[in-house]
Every structure is written in C-alpha cells, then in structure tokens.
Amino acid sequence: MTMTEPQETYDDGEQAGDLNRAIGKQVKVLRERAGLTQKELGDRLGYSEDLVSSLERGRRTPQREFLEAADELLDAGGC
C-alpha cells in the first residue's frame, strides 16, 4: 500500500477569488502610477469610490465595461 500526498484542489469560487484579487492588484498599481485616488478614478470612470475599493481588494468581480474604461484611462495597454 502506498500513500500519496493529497492534491491541492480549487473550486470555481476560489479560482474566481484569486483572479479577482490579481486583477484588483493590477488596477491599484496602474491607478497609483497615474497618481489617482480611488475616488478620482471612480469619478473619471463613472463609478463609486466604494466600488473601486471593492474591486481592488478582489471582493467584487470587475465588469468588462469597467476594465475597458480603466484600461484606456490608465494607459494599461490591454484588451
């Protein structure tokens, strides 16, 4: 009888959370590089400061419209 180490598994919720946190960190880096506060970014994109904060912390899933607008404003070079 051989013993194997348990494999690390992630459910969809964990993977989505990891992705949301990674995207949020990138938004924060780009926002800070642009010299903007969360409120300033939100105002320029038409979103609330609270939403920007939640996205940066990975608590909310960013919508495509937000990402496209942020990409353009922050000169991220994506999409």
N, C-alpha and C. Protein backbone atom coordinates (compact mmCIF):
# COMPACT_ATOMS: atom_id res chain seq x y z
N MET A 1 0.85 -1.17 0.00
CA MET A 1 0.00 0.00 0.00
C MET A 1 0.90 1.24 0.00
N THR A 2 0.66 2.14 -0.94
CA THR A 2 1.44 3.37 -0.99
C THR A 2 0.56 4.54 -0.64
N MET A 3 1.19 5.50 -0.03
CA MET A 3 0.44 6.71 0.33
C MET A 3 0.84 7.82 -0.62
N THR A 4 -0.12 8.56 -1.04
CA THR A 4 0.16 9.70 -1.90
C THR A 4 -0.22 10.96 -1.15
N GLU A 5 0.47 12.01 -1.51
CA GLU A 5 0.15 13.29 -0.89
C GLU A 5 -1.15 13.81 -1.47
N PRO A 6 -1.96 14.44 -0.64
CA PRO A 6 -3.21 14.98 -1.17
C PRO A 6 -2.92 16.06 -2.20
N GLN A 7 -3.69 16.04 -3.27
CA GLN A 7 -3.54 17.06 -4.30
C GLN A 7 -4.30 18.30 -3.88
N GLU A 8 -3.70 19.42 -4.20
CA GLU A 8 -4.33 20.69 -3.91
C GLU A 8 -5.41 20.94 -4.96
N THR A 9 -6.61 21.17 -4.51
CA THR A 9 -7.69 21.43 -5.46
C THR A 9 -8.35 22.75 -5.13
N TYR A 10 -8.86 23.37 -6.16
CA TYR A 10 -9.56 24.64 -6.00
C TYR A 10 -10.93 24.50 -6.64
N ASP A 11 -11.91 25.04 -5.98
CA ASP A 11 -13.20 25.08 -6.64
C ASP A 11 -13.30 26.37 -7.43
N ASP A 12 -14.34 26.50 -8.20
CA ASP A 12 -14.51 27.68 -9.06
C ASP A 12 -14.52 28.97 -8.25
N GLY A 13 -15.08 28.94 -7.08
CA GLY A 13 -15.13 30.13 -6.23
C GLY A 13 -13.75 30.60 -5.81
N GLU A 14 -12.90 29.66 -5.46
CA GLU A 14 -11.53 30.01 -5.07
C GLU A 14 -10.74 30.56 -6.26
N GLN A 15 -10.91 29.94 -7.42
CA GLN A 15 -10.21 30.41 -8.62
C GLN A 15 -10.67 31.80 -9.00
N ALA A 16 -11.97 32.04 -8.93
CA ALA A 16 -12.50 33.37 -9.25
C ALA A 16 -11.98 34.40 -8.25
N GLY A 17 -11.92 34.03 -6.99
CA GLY A 17 -11.41 34.94 -5.98
C GLY A 17 -9.95 35.29 -6.22
N ASP A 18 -9.15 34.28 -6.59
CA ASP A 18 -7.74 34.52 -6.89
C ASP A 18 -7.60 35.46 -8.09
N LEU A 19 -8.40 35.22 -9.11
CA LEU A 19 -8.36 36.06 -10.30
C LEU A 19 -8.79 37.48 -9.98
N ASN A 20 -9.86 37.63 -9.21
CA ASN A 20 -10.34 38.97 -8.83
C ASN A 20 -9.28 39.73 -8.03
N ARG A 21 -8.60 39.03 -7.13
CA ARG A 21 -7.54 39.69 -6.34
C ARG A 21 -6.38 40.12 -7.24
N ALA A 22 -6.01 39.28 -8.19
CA ALA A 22 -4.91 39.61 -9.10
C ALA A 22 -5.27 40.82 -9.97
N ILE A 23 -6.48 40.83 -10.49
CA ILE A 23 -6.93 41.97 -11.31
C ILE A 23 -6.98 43.23 -10.45
N GLY A 24 -7.50 43.10 -9.24
CA GLY A 24 -7.60 44.24 -8.34
C GLY A 24 -6.24 44.85 -8.03
N LYS A 25 -5.25 43.99 -7.79
CA LYS A 25 -3.90 44.48 -7.52
C LYS A 25 -3.35 45.24 -8.71
N GLN A 26 -3.62 44.73 -9.91
CA GLN A 26 -3.13 45.39 -11.11
C GLN A 26 -3.81 46.75 -11.30
N VAL A 27 -5.11 46.82 -11.06
CA VAL A 27 -5.81 48.10 -11.15
C VAL A 27 -5.21 49.09 -10.17
N LYS A 28 -4.93 48.64 -8.95
CA LYS A 28 -4.36 49.52 -7.94
C LYS A 28 -2.99 50.04 -8.36
N VAL A 29 -2.14 49.16 -8.86
CA VAL A 29 -0.81 49.57 -9.32
C VAL A 29 -0.92 50.62 -10.42
N LEU A 30 -1.78 50.37 -11.39
CA LEU A 30 -1.94 51.32 -12.50
C LEU A 30 -2.55 52.63 -12.04
N ARG A 31 -3.52 52.55 -11.11
CA ARG A 31 -4.14 53.77 -10.58
C ARG A 31 -3.11 54.62 -9.84
N GLU A 32 -2.32 53.98 -9.01
CA GLU A 32 -1.30 54.71 -8.26
C GLU A 32 -0.23 55.27 -9.18
N ARG A 33 0.12 54.52 -10.22
CA ARG A 33 1.10 55.00 -11.20
C ARG A 33 0.59 56.28 -11.87
N ALA A 34 -0.73 56.34 -12.08
CA ALA A 34 -1.34 57.51 -12.70
C ALA A 34 -1.53 58.65 -11.70
N GLY A 35 -1.25 58.40 -10.42
CA GLY A 35 -1.37 59.43 -9.40
C GLY A 35 -2.81 59.74 -9.02
N LEU A 36 -3.68 58.75 -9.14
CA LEU A 36 -5.09 58.94 -8.83
C LEU A 36 -5.48 58.24 -7.54
N THR A 37 -6.41 58.83 -6.83
CA THR A 37 -7.01 58.17 -5.68
C THR A 37 -8.13 57.26 -6.19
N GLN A 38 -8.64 56.42 -5.32
CA GLN A 38 -9.79 55.58 -5.70
C GLN A 38 -10.97 56.45 -6.09
N LYS A 39 -11.19 57.53 -5.36
CA LYS A 39 -12.31 58.43 -5.66
C LYS A 39 -12.11 59.08 -7.02
N GLU A 40 -10.91 59.55 -7.31
CA GLU A 40 -10.65 60.20 -8.60
C GLU A 40 -10.85 59.22 -9.76
N LEU A 41 -10.37 58.00 -9.59
CA LEU A 41 -10.57 57.01 -10.65
C LEU A 41 -12.05 56.73 -10.83
N GLY A 42 -12.75 56.52 -9.73
CA GLY A 42 -14.19 56.28 -9.81
C GLY A 42 -14.93 57.42 -10.48
N ASP A 43 -14.60 58.64 -10.09
CA ASP A 43 -15.26 59.81 -10.69
C ASP A 43 -15.04 59.87 -12.19
N ARG A 44 -13.82 59.62 -12.62
CA ARG A 44 -13.50 59.70 -14.05
C ARG A 44 -14.14 58.59 -14.86
N LEU A 45 -14.39 57.46 -14.22
CA LEU A 45 -14.99 56.33 -14.93
C LEU A 45 -16.49 56.21 -14.71
N GLY A 46 -17.02 57.02 -13.80
CA GLY A 46 -18.45 56.94 -13.52
C GLY A 46 -18.83 55.85 -12.54
N TYR A 47 -17.91 55.52 -11.64
CA TYR A 47 -18.16 54.51 -10.62
C TYR A 47 -17.89 55.12 -9.25
N SER A 48 -18.39 54.48 -8.22
CA SER A 48 -18.18 54.99 -6.86
C SER A 48 -16.80 54.60 -6.34
N GLU A 49 -16.35 55.38 -5.37
CA GLU A 49 -15.10 55.06 -4.68
C GLU A 49 -15.19 53.69 -4.02
N ASP A 50 -16.35 53.37 -3.45
CA ASP A 50 -16.54 52.08 -2.79
C ASP A 50 -16.39 50.92 -3.77
N LEU A 51 -16.91 51.09 -4.98
CA LEU A 51 -16.79 50.03 -5.97
C LEU A 51 -15.33 49.84 -6.36
N VAL A 52 -14.61 50.92 -6.59
CA VAL A 52 -13.19 50.82 -6.94
C VAL A 52 -12.43 50.12 -5.81
N SER A 53 -12.72 50.48 -4.58
CA SER A 53 -12.07 49.85 -3.43
C SER A 53 -12.37 48.35 -3.39
N SER A 54 -13.63 47.98 -3.59
CA SER A 54 -14.01 46.57 -3.57
C SER A 54 -13.34 45.78 -4.69
N LEU A 55 -13.24 46.40 -5.86
CA LEU A 55 -12.57 45.73 -6.98
C LEU A 55 -11.09 45.54 -6.70
N GLU A 56 -10.44 46.57 -6.17
CA GLU A 56 -9.01 46.48 -5.88
C GLU A 56 -8.71 45.43 -4.82
N ARG A 57 -9.63 45.18 -3.94
CA ARG A 57 -9.43 44.17 -2.88
C ARG A 57 -9.88 42.78 -3.30
N GLY A 58 -10.41 42.67 -4.51
CA GLY A 58 -10.85 41.38 -5.01
C GLY A 58 -12.16 40.91 -4.45
N ARG A 59 -12.91 41.81 -3.85
CA ARG A 59 -14.20 41.46 -3.26
C ARG A 59 -15.32 41.42 -4.28
N ARG A 60 -15.13 42.12 -5.39
CA ARG A 60 -16.14 42.14 -6.45
C ARG A 60 -15.49 41.76 -7.76
N THR A 61 -16.28 41.16 -8.62
CA THR A 61 -15.80 40.80 -9.95
C THR A 61 -15.95 42.01 -10.85
N PRO A 62 -14.85 42.46 -11.46
CA PRO A 62 -14.94 43.63 -12.34
C PRO A 62 -15.70 43.30 -13.62
N GLN A 63 -16.55 44.21 -14.01
CA GLN A 63 -17.30 44.05 -15.25
C GLN A 63 -16.43 44.48 -16.42
N ARG A 64 -16.70 43.93 -17.57
CA ARG A 64 -15.93 44.23 -18.77
C ARG A 64 -15.87 45.74 -19.04
N GLU A 65 -17.00 46.42 -18.86
CA GLU A 65 -17.06 47.85 -19.13
C GLU A 65 -16.09 48.63 -18.24
N PHE A 66 -16.01 48.23 -16.98
CA PHE A 66 -15.08 48.88 -16.06
C PHE A 66 -13.64 48.64 -16.52
N LEU A 67 -13.32 47.39 -16.82
CA LEU A 67 -11.96 47.06 -17.22
C LEU A 67 -11.54 47.78 -18.49
N GLU A 68 -12.43 47.87 -19.45
CA GLU A 68 -12.11 48.56 -20.70
C GLU A 68 -11.88 50.05 -20.46
N ALA A 69 -12.75 50.67 -19.67
CA ALA A 69 -12.61 52.09 -19.38
C ALA A 69 -11.34 52.37 -18.57
N ALA A 70 -11.07 51.53 -17.57
CA ALA A 70 -9.87 51.69 -16.76
C ALA A 70 -8.61 51.48 -17.60
N ASP A 71 -8.66 50.50 -18.48
CA ASP A 71 -7.52 50.22 -19.37
C ASP A 71 -7.18 51.45 -20.20
N GLU A 72 -8.18 52.06 -20.75
CA GLU A 72 -7.95 53.24 -21.58
C GLU A 72 -7.45 54.43 -20.75
N LEU A 73 -8.13 54.70 -19.64
CA LEU A 73 -7.77 55.85 -18.81
C LEU A 73 -6.38 55.70 -18.20
N LEU A 74 -6.05 54.49 -17.77
CA LEU A 74 -4.79 54.25 -17.08
C LEU A 74 -3.66 53.84 -18.03
N ASP A 75 -3.97 53.84 -19.32
CA ASP A 75 -2.97 53.52 -20.35
C ASP A 75 -2.29 52.18 -20.05
N ALA A 76 -3.14 51.17 -19.79
CA ALA A 76 -2.62 49.86 -19.41
C ALA A 76 -2.15 49.02 -20.60
N GLY A 77 -2.61 49.36 -21.79
CA GLY A 77 -2.17 48.64 -22.97
C GLY A 77 -2.78 47.27 -23.15
N GLY A 78 -3.93 47.03 -22.53
CA GLY A 78 -4.58 45.73 -22.64
C GLY A 78 -5.64 45.69 -23.71
N CYS A 79 -6.51 44.74 -23.54
CA CYS A 79 -7.64 44.49 -24.47
C CYS A 79 -7.12 44.35 -25.85
